[in-house]
């Protein structure tokens, strides 16, 4: 079982741009321990299926 990521490590990678909280794909991929390319492909695949909800920072 993987250990939990410390919250400050996540919080330090969330940026506030144009009134929105965002996280760069490279940082998100690092947290999930996957290649950024694989993360982007997975997001595109789920968006095309219409099954991805992106509201984790709301």
Protein backbone atom coordinates (compact mmCIF):
# COMPACT_ATOMS: atom_id res chain seq x y z
CA UNK A 1 0.00 0.00 0.00
CA UNK A 2 1.32 3.43 -0.93
CA UNK A 3 1.76 6.01 1.77
CA UNK A 4 -0.31 9.18 1.78
CA UNK A 5 1.14 12.36 0.32
CA UNK A 6 1.58 15.13 2.89
CA UNK A 7 -1.05 17.83 2.41
CA UNK A 8 1.53 20.63 2.29
CA UNK A 9 3.18 18.93 -0.68
CA UNK A 10 -0.14 19.08 -2.54
CA UNK A 11 -0.98 22.59 -1.37
CA UNK A 12 2.39 23.90 -2.58
CA UNK A 13 1.56 22.74 -6.09
CA UNK A 14 -1.85 24.42 -6.37
CA UNK A 15 -1.70 27.81 -8.07
CA UNK A 16 -4.32 30.56 -8.24
CA UNK A 17 -4.64 31.80 -11.85
CA UNK A 18 -7.37 34.10 -13.14
CA UNK A 19 -9.60 33.34 -10.19
CA UNK A 20 -9.24 29.55 -10.48
CA UNK A 21 -7.21 27.04 -8.51
CA UNK A 22 -5.08 25.00 -10.93
CA UNK A 23 -2.44 22.30 -10.78
CA UNK A 24 0.02 21.64 -13.60
CA UNK A 25 -0.17 18.23 -15.20
CA UNK A 26 3.50 17.52 -14.41
CA UNK A 27 2.88 18.07 -10.70
CA UNK A 28 -0.31 16.02 -10.73
CA UNK A 29 1.44 13.18 -12.56
CA UNK A 30 4.22 13.28 -9.96
CA UNK A 31 1.68 12.89 -7.15
CA UNK A 32 0.06 9.92 -8.92
CA UNK A 33 3.50 8.50 -9.76
CA UNK A 34 2.81 8.26 -13.50
CA UNK A 35 4.37 9.86 -16.56
CA UNK A 36 2.79 13.23 -17.48
CA UNK A 37 2.10 11.88 -20.98
CA UNK A 38 0.08 8.98 -19.56
CA UNK A 39 -1.93 11.32 -17.33
CA UNK A 40 -2.79 13.62 -20.25
CA UNK A 41 -3.84 10.65 -22.39
CA UNK A 42 -6.09 9.33 -19.61
CA UNK A 43 -7.74 12.73 -19.14
CA UNK A 44 -8.35 13.10 -22.89
CA UNK A 45 -9.82 9.58 -23.03
CA UNK A 46 -12.17 10.25 -20.11
CA UNK A 47 -13.22 13.64 -21.52
CA UNK A 48 -14.13 12.02 -24.84
CA UNK A 49 -16.26 9.49 -22.94
CA UNK A 50 -17.94 12.29 -21.03
CA UNK A 51 -17.25 10.58 -17.73
CA UNK A 52 -14.72 12.98 -16.23
CA UNK A 53 -15.74 15.56 -13.66
CA UNK A 54 -13.06 18.06 -12.83
CA UNK A 55 -14.17 19.82 -9.68
CA UNK A 56 -11.69 18.66 -7.08
CA UNK A 57 -10.68 22.21 -6.04
CA UNK A 58 -14.17 23.64 -5.73
